[in-house]
Amino acid sequence: MINRDRNELEKLIPFKIRQSVIAHLLKENNDVRIVQEFAGHRRAASTEAYKQTGLEELKSAIERLHPLQ
């Protein structure tokens, strides 16, 4: 239903949505064990793999504090 009127490049993939939800929960500092249970992972390491490095925030801070000219 969510992809009915979308072209091929705009289609949403359930797996990507799931990955985004897990990454968002971890980014919001939810307990890894709770997110692990929510995701249905057997090992905490599987859940921790979804943690993002915060690279975008780091790039933004560098640009703000030390802009390239």
PDB file of N, CA and C in Angstrom:
ATOM      1  N   MET A   1       0.805  -1.191   0.000  1.00  0.00           N
ATOM      2  CA  MET A   1       0.000   0.000   0.000  1.00  0.00           C
ATOM      3  C   MET A   1       0.858   1.269   0.000  1.00  0.00           C
ATOM      4  N   ILE A   2       1.955   1.269   0.756  1.00  0.00           N
ATOM      5  CA  ILE A   2       2.749   2.491   0.858  1.00  0.00           C
ATOM      6  C   ILE A   2       3.472   2.830  -0.429  1.00  0.00           C
ATOM      7  N   ASN A   3       3.630   1.863  -1.314  1.00  0.00           N
ATOM      8  CA  ASN A   3       4.361   2.094  -2.565  1.00  0.00           C
ATOM      9  C   ASN A   3       3.459   2.187  -3.785  1.00  0.00           C
ATOM     10  N   ARG A   4       2.170   2.198  -3.595  1.00  0.00           N
ATOM     11  CA  ARG A   4       1.225   2.128  -4.708  1.00  0.00           C
ATOM     12  C   ARG A   4       1.462   3.218  -5.744  1.00  0.00           C
ATOM     13  N   ASP A   5       1.614   4.463  -5.345  1.00  0.00           N
ATOM     14  CA  ASP A   5       1.750   5.574  -6.290  1.00  0.00           C
ATOM     15  C   ASP A   5       3.185   6.096  -6.403  1.00  0.00           C
ATOM     16  N   ARG A   6       4.140   5.314  -6.014  1.00  0.00           N
ATOM     17  CA  ARG A   6       5.539   5.748  -6.067  1.00  0.00           C
ATOM     18  C   ARG A   6       6.240   5.120  -7.266  1.00  0.00           C
ATOM     19  N   ASN A   7       7.211   5.864  -7.812  1.00  0.00           N
ATOM     20  CA  ASN A   7       8.007   5.258  -8.882  1.00  0.00           C
ATOM     21  C   ASN A   7       9.094   4.389  -8.257  1.00  0.00           C
ATOM     22  N   GLU A   8       9.826   3.686  -9.076  1.00  0.00           N
ATOM     23  CA  GLU A   8      10.816   2.711  -8.573  1.00  0.00           C
ATOM     24  C   GLU A   8      11.845   3.337  -7.636  1.00  0.00           C
ATOM     25  N   LEU A   9      12.281   4.542  -7.910  1.00  0.00           N
ATOM     26  CA  LEU A   9      13.323   5.171  -7.095  1.00  0.00           C
ATOM     27  C   LEU A   9      12.798   5.677  -5.754  1.00  0.00           C
ATOM     28  N   GLU A  10      11.492   5.888  -5.641  1.00  0.00           N
ATOM     29  CA  GLU A  10      10.910   6.424  -4.413  1.00  0.00           C
ATOM     30  C   GLU A  10      10.287   5.365  -3.523  1.00  0.00           C
ATOM     31  N   LYS A  11      10.287   4.119  -3.944  1.00  0.00           N
ATOM     32  CA  LYS A  11       9.632   3.070  -3.170  1.00  0.00           C
ATOM     33  C   LYS A  11      10.320   2.845  -1.833  1.00  0.00           C
ATOM     34  N   LEU A  12       9.508   2.662  -0.813  1.00  0.00           N
ATOM     35  CA  LEU A  12      10.014   2.373   0.521  1.00  0.00           C
ATOM     36  C   LEU A  12      10.183   0.870   0.682  1.00  0.00           C
ATOM     37  N   ILE A  13      11.276   0.489   1.315  1.00  0.00           N
ATOM     38  CA  ILE A  13      11.582  -0.918   1.515  1.00  0.00           C
ATOM     39  C   ILE A  13      11.430  -1.211   3.009  1.00  0.00           C
ATOM     40  N   PRO A  14      10.567  -2.168   3.370  1.00  0.00           N
ATOM     41  CA  PRO A  14      10.335  -2.448   4.797  1.00  0.00           C
ATOM     42  C   PRO A  14      11.618  -2.709   5.582  1.00  0.00           C
ATOM     43  N   PHE A  15      12.580  -3.379   4.994  1.00  0.00           N
ATOM     44  CA  PHE A  15      13.834  -3.663   5.686  1.00  0.00           C
ATOM     45  C   PHE A  15      14.564  -2.375   6.049  1.00  0.00           C
ATOM     46  N   LYS A  16      14.564  -1.396   5.135  1.00  0.00           N
ATOM     47  CA  LYS A  16      15.227  -0.117   5.401  1.00  0.00           C
ATOM     48  C   LYS A  16      14.499   0.662   6.492  1.00  0.00           C
ATOM     49  N   ILE A  17      13.168   0.568   6.499  1.00  0.00           N
ATOM     50  CA  ILE A  17      12.397   1.227   7.547  1.00  0.00           C
ATOM     51  C   ILE A  17      12.752   0.615   8.898  1.00  0.00           C
ATOM     52  N   ARG A  18      12.852  -0.705   8.952  1.00  0.00           N
ATOM     53  CA  ARG A  18      13.210  -1.405  10.183  1.00  0.00           C
ATOM     54  C   ARG A  18      14.587  -0.968  10.665  1.00  0.00           C
ATOM     55  N   GLN A  19      15.545  -0.893   9.743  1.00  0.00           N
ATOM     56  CA  GLN A  19      16.893  -0.451  10.097  1.00  0.00           C
ATOM     57  C   GLN A  19      16.867   0.966  10.661  1.00  0.00           C
ATOM     58  N   SER A  20      16.083   1.828  10.039  1.00  0.00           N
ATOM     59  CA  SER A  20      15.996   3.218  10.488  1.00  0.00           C
ATOM     60  C   SER A  20      15.406   3.317  11.882  1.00  0.00           C
ATOM     61  N   VAL A  21      14.380   2.523  12.159  1.00  0.00           N
ATOM     62  CA  VAL A  21      13.749   2.550  13.479  1.00  0.00           C
ATOM     63  C   VAL A  21      14.737   2.097  14.546  1.00  0.00           C
ATOM     64  N   ILE A  22      15.455   1.013  14.287  1.00  0.00           N
ATOM     65  CA  ILE A  22      16.440   0.509  15.252  1.00  0.00           C
ATOM     66  C   ILE A  22      17.544   1.537  15.479  1.00  0.00           C
ATOM     67  N   ALA A  23      18.064   2.121  14.399  1.00  0.00           N
ATOM     68  CA  ALA A  23      19.118   3.127  14.523  1.00  0.00           C
ATOM     69  C   ALA A  23      18.616   4.343  15.299  1.00  0.00           C
ATOM     70  N   HIS A  24      17.375   4.752  15.054  1.00  0.00           N
ATOM     71  CA  HIS A  24      16.804   5.897  15.759  1.00  0.00           C
ATOM     72  C   HIS A  24      16.661   5.607  17.253  1.00  0.00           C
ATOM     73  N   LEU A  25      16.197   4.422  17.594  1.00  0.00           N
ATOM     74  CA  LEU A  25      16.058   4.058  19.001  1.00  0.00           C
ATOM     75  C   LEU A  25      17.409   4.095  19.714  1.00  0.00           C
ATOM     76  N   LEU A  26      18.451   3.632  19.050  1.00  0.00           N
ATOM     77  CA  LEU A  26      19.787   3.655  19.653  1.00  0.00           C
ATOM     78  C   LEU A  26      20.324   5.083  19.740  1.00  0.00           C
ATOM     79  N   LYS A  27      20.032   5.881  18.726  1.00  0.00           N
ATOM     80  CA  LYS A  27      20.499   7.270  18.726  1.00  0.00           C
ATOM     81  C   LYS A  27      19.859   8.059  19.858  1.00  0.00           C
ATOM     82  N   GLU A  28      18.642   7.690  20.223  1.00  0.00           N
ATOM     83  CA  GLU A  28      17.933   8.354  21.318  1.00  0.00           C
ATOM     84  C   GLU A  28      18.355   7.816  22.683  1.00  0.00           C
ATOM     85  N   ASN A  29      19.440   7.067  22.722  1.00  0.00           N
ATOM     86  CA  ASN A  29      20.033   6.536  23.954  1.00  0.00           C
ATOM     87  C   ASN A  29      19.139   5.570  24.710  1.00  0.00           C
ATOM     88  N   ASN A  30      18.324   4.814  23.982  1.00  0.00           N
ATOM     89  CA  ASN A  30      17.567   3.739  24.612  1.00  0.00           C
ATOM     90  C   ASN A  30      18.523   2.605  24.961  1.00  0.00           C
ATOM     91  N   ASP A  31      18.216   1.870  25.982  1.00  0.00           N
ATOM     92  CA  ASP A  31      19.059   0.758  26.416  1.00  0.00           C
ATOM     93  C   ASP A  31      19.204  -0.270  25.286  1.00  0.00           C
ATOM     94  N   VAL A  32      20.426  -0.690  25.039  1.00  0.00           N
ATOM     95  CA  VAL A  32      20.701  -1.635  23.953  1.00  0.00           C
ATOM     96  C   VAL A  32      19.926  -2.935  24.145  1.00  0.00           C
ATOM     97  N   ARG A  33      19.806  -3.390  25.375  1.00  0.00           N
ATOM     98  CA  ARG A  33      19.089  -4.646  25.642  1.00  0.00           C
ATOM     99  C   ARG A  33      17.600  -4.532  25.299  1.00  0.00           C
ATOM    100  N   ILE A  34      17.020  -3.379  25.580  1.00  0.00           N
ATOM    101  CA  ILE A  34      15.605  -3.178  25.254  1.00  0.00           C
ATOM    102  C   ILE A  34      15.421  -3.142  23.741  1.00  0.00           C
ATOM    103  N   VAL A  35      16.297  -2.429  23.050  1.00  0.00           N
ATOM    104  CA  VAL A  35      16.223  -2.356  21.589  1.00  0.00           C
ATOM    105  C   VAL A  35      16.497  -3.735  20.990  1.00  0.00           C
ATOM    106  N   GLN A  36      17.405  -4.478  21.593  1.00  0.00           N
ATOM    107  CA  GLN A  36      17.714  -5.835  21.136  1.00  0.00           C
ATOM    108  C   GLN A  36      16.459  -6.708  21.190  1.00  0.00           C
ATOM    109  N   GLU A  37      15.745  -6.633  22.283  1.00  0.00           N
ATOM    110  CA  GLU A  37      14.513  -7.412  22.440  1.00  0.00           C
ATOM    111  C   GLU A  37      13.460  -6.957  21.426  1.00  0.00           C
ATOM    112  N   PHE A  38      13.327  -5.647  21.277  1.00  0.00           N
ATOM    113  CA  PHE A  38      12.373  -5.075  20.323  1.00  0.00           C
ATOM    114  C   PHE A  38      12.673  -5.556  18.899  1.00  0.00           C
ATOM    115  N   ALA A  39      13.948  -5.593  18.548  1.00  0.00           N
ATOM    116  CA  ALA A  39      14.359  -5.978  17.192  1.00  0.00           C
ATOM    117  C   ALA A  39      14.340  -7.486  16.980  1.00  0.00           C
ATOM    118  N   GLY A  40      14.329  -8.243  18.082  1.00  0.00           N
ATOM    119  CA  GLY A  40      14.331  -9.691  17.956  1.00  0.00           C
ATOM    120  C   GLY A  40      15.704 -10.277  17.684  1.00  0.00           C
ATOM    121  N   HIS A  41      16.739  -9.544  18.071  1.00  0.00           N
ATOM    122  CA  HIS A  41      18.105 -10.033  17.873  1.00  0.00           C
ATOM    123  C   HIS A  41      18.504 -10.977  19.010  1.00  0.00           C
ATOM    124  N   ARG A  42      19.226 -12.015  18.670  1.00  0.00           N
ATOM    125  CA  ARG A  42      19.716 -12.946  19.694  1.00  0.00           C
ATOM    126  C   ARG A  42      20.896 -12.373  20.460  1.00  0.00           C
ATOM    127  N   ARG A  43      21.736 -11.650  19.748  1.00  0.00           N
ATOM    128  CA  ARG A  43      22.967 -11.114  20.364  1.00  0.00           C
ATOM    129  C   ARG A  43      22.928  -9.589  20.402  1.00  0.00           C
ATOM    130  N   ALA A  44      23.460  -9.021  21.472  1.00  0.00           N
ATOM    131  CA  ALA A  44      23.533  -7.563  21.602  1.00  0.00           C
ATOM    132  C   ALA A  44      24.425  -6.976  20.513  1.00  0.00           C
ATOM    133  N   ALA A  45      25.423  -7.721  20.084  1.00  0.00           N
ATOM    134  CA  ALA A  45      26.332  -7.243  19.042  1.00  0.00           C
ATOM    135  C   ALA A  45      25.588  -6.972  17.734  1.00  0.00           C
ATOM    136  N   SER A  46      24.561  -7.753  17.461  1.00  0.00           N
ATOM    137  CA  SER A  46      23.759  -7.529  16.256  1.00  0.00           C
ATOM    138  C   SER A  46      23.039  -6.191  16.334  1.00  0.00           C
ATOM    139  N   THR A  47      22.566  -5.863  17.519  1.00  0.00           N
ATOM    140  CA  THR A  47      21.868  -4.590  17.718  1.00  0.00           C
ATOM    141  C   THR A  47      22.862  -3.434  17.711  1.00  0.00           C
ATOM    142  N   GLU A  48      24.001  -3.616  18.342  1.00  0.00           N
ATOM    143  CA  GLU A  48      25.003  -2.554  18.410  1.00  0.00           C
ATOM    144  C   GLU A  48      25.535  -2.181  17.036  1.00  0.00           C
ATOM    145  N   ALA A  49      25.436  -3.100  16.091  1.00  0.00           N
ATOM    146  CA  ALA A  49      25.888  -2.809  14.730  1.00  0.00           C
ATOM    147  C   ALA A  49      25.068  -1.687  14.095  1.00  0.00           C
ATOM    148  N   TYR A  50      23.888  -1.432  14.629  1.00  0.00           N
ATOM    149  CA  TYR A  50      23.028  -0.370  14.103  1.00  0.00           C
ATOM    150  C   TYR A  50      23.385   1.003  14.651  1.00  0.00           C
ATOM    151  N   LYS A  51      24.274   1.053  15.628  1.00  0.00           N
ATOM    152  CA  LYS A  51      24.685   2.343  16.169  1.00  0.00           C
ATOM    153  C   LYS A  51      25.410   3.107  15.070  1.00  0.00           C
ATOM    154  N   GLN A  52      25.055   4.363  14.942  1.00  0.00           N
ATOM    155  CA  GLN A  52      25.688   5.182  13.922  1.00  0.00           C
ATOM    156  C   GLN A  52      26.767   6.035  14.572  1.00  0.00           C
ATOM    157  N   THR A  53      27.733   6.379  13.789  1.00  0.00           N
ATOM    158  CA  THR A  53      28.892   7.081  14.319  1.00  0.00           C
ATOM    159  C   THR A  53      28.619   8.544  14.623  1.00  0.00           C
ATOM    160  N   GLY A  54      27.505   9.073  14.151  1.00  0.00           N
ATOM    161  CA  GLY A  54      27.252  10.494  14.346  1.00  0.00           C
ATOM    162  C   GLY A  54      28.101  11.334  13.415  1.00  0.00           C
ATOM    163  N   LEU A  55      28.481  10.767  12.292  1.00  0.00           N
ATOM    164  CA  LEU A  55      29.361  11.447  11.351  1.00  0.00           C
ATOM    165  C   LEU A  55      28.751  12.747  10.846  1.00  0.00           C
ATOM    166  N   GLU A  56      27.451  12.763  10.602  1.00  0.00           N
ATOM    167  CA  GLU A  56      26.805  13.981  10.120  1.00  0.00           C
ATOM    168  C   GLU A  56      26.885  15.093  11.161  1.00  0.00           C
ATOM    169  N   GLU A  57      26.674  14.758  12.435  1.00  0.00           N
ATOM    170  CA  GLU A  57      26.777  15.768  13.485  1.00  0.00           C
ATOM    171  C   GLU A  57      28.205  16.289  13.595  1.00  0.00           C
ATOM    172  N   LEU A  58      29.167  15.394  13.444  1.00  0.00           N
ATOM    173  CA  LEU A  58      30.563  15.787  13.504  1.00  0.00           C
ATOM    174  C   LEU A  58      30.915  16.719  12.351  1.00  0.00           C
ATOM    175  N   LYS A  59      30.465  16.384  11.151  1.00  0.00           N
ATOM    176  CA  LYS A  59      30.717  17.243   9.991  1.00  0.00           C
ATOM    177  C   LYS A  59      30.110  18.622  10.198  1.00  0.00           C
ATOM    178  N   SER A  60      28.897  18.648  10.738  1.00  0.00           N
ATOM    179  CA  SER A  60      28.212  19.913  10.977  1.00  0.00           C
ATOM    180  C   SER A  60      28.974  20.767  11.996  1.00  0.00           C
ATOM    181  N   ALA A  61      29.444  20.139  13.059  1.00  0.00           N
ATOM    182  CA  ALA A  61      30.193  20.871  14.091  1.00  0.00           C
ATOM    183  C   ALA A  61      31.502  21.405  13.536  1.00  0.00           C
ATOM    184  N   ILE A  62      32.182  20.615  12.737  1.00  0.00           N
ATOM    185  CA  ILE A  62      33.446  21.067  12.144  1.00  0.00           C
ATOM    186  C   ILE A  62      33.202  22.240  11.215  1.00  0.00           C
ATOM    187  N   GLU A  63      32.151  22.138  10.397  1.00  0.00           N
ATOM    188  CA  GLU A  63      31.824  23.228   9.474  1.00  0.00           C
ATOM    189  C   GLU A  63      31.474  24.501  10.233  1.00  0.00           C
ATOM    190  N   ARG A  64      30.768  24.359  11.329  1.00  0.00           N
ATOM    191  CA  ARG A  64      30.356  25.526  12.123  1.00  0.00           C
ATOM    192  C   ARG A  64      31.554  26.152  12.840  1.00  0.00           C
ATOM    193  N   LEU A  65      32.438  25.325  13.407  1.00  0.00           N
ATOM    194  CA  LEU A  65      33.540  25.827  14.215  1.00  0.00           C
ATOM    195  C   LEU A  65      34.778  26.183  13.386  1.00  0.00           C
ATOM    196  N   HIS A  66      34.992  25.447  12.306  1.00  0.00           N
ATOM    197  CA  HIS A  66      36.173  25.658  11.463  1.00  0.00           C
ATOM    198  C   HIS A  66      35.768  25.599   9.989  1.00  0.00           C
ATOM    199  N   PRO A  67      35.014  26.600   9.526  1.00  0.00           N
ATOM    200  CA  PRO A  67      34.546  26.545   8.144  1.00  0.00           C
ATOM    201  C   PRO A  67      35.694  26.646   7.145  1.00  0.00           C
ATOM    202  N   LEU A  68      35.570  25.877   6.096  1.00  0.00           N
ATOM    203  CA  LEU A  68      36.548  25.941   5.003  1.00  0.00           C
ATOM    204  C   LEU A  68      36.168  27.111   4.098  1.00  0.00           C
ATOM    205  N   GLN A  69      37.175  27.911   3.756  1.00  0.00           N
ATOM    206  CA  GLN A  69      36.875  29.074   2.910  1.00  0.00           C
ATOM    207  C   GLN A  69      37.667  29.032   1.641  1.00  0.00           C
TER     208      GLN A  69
END
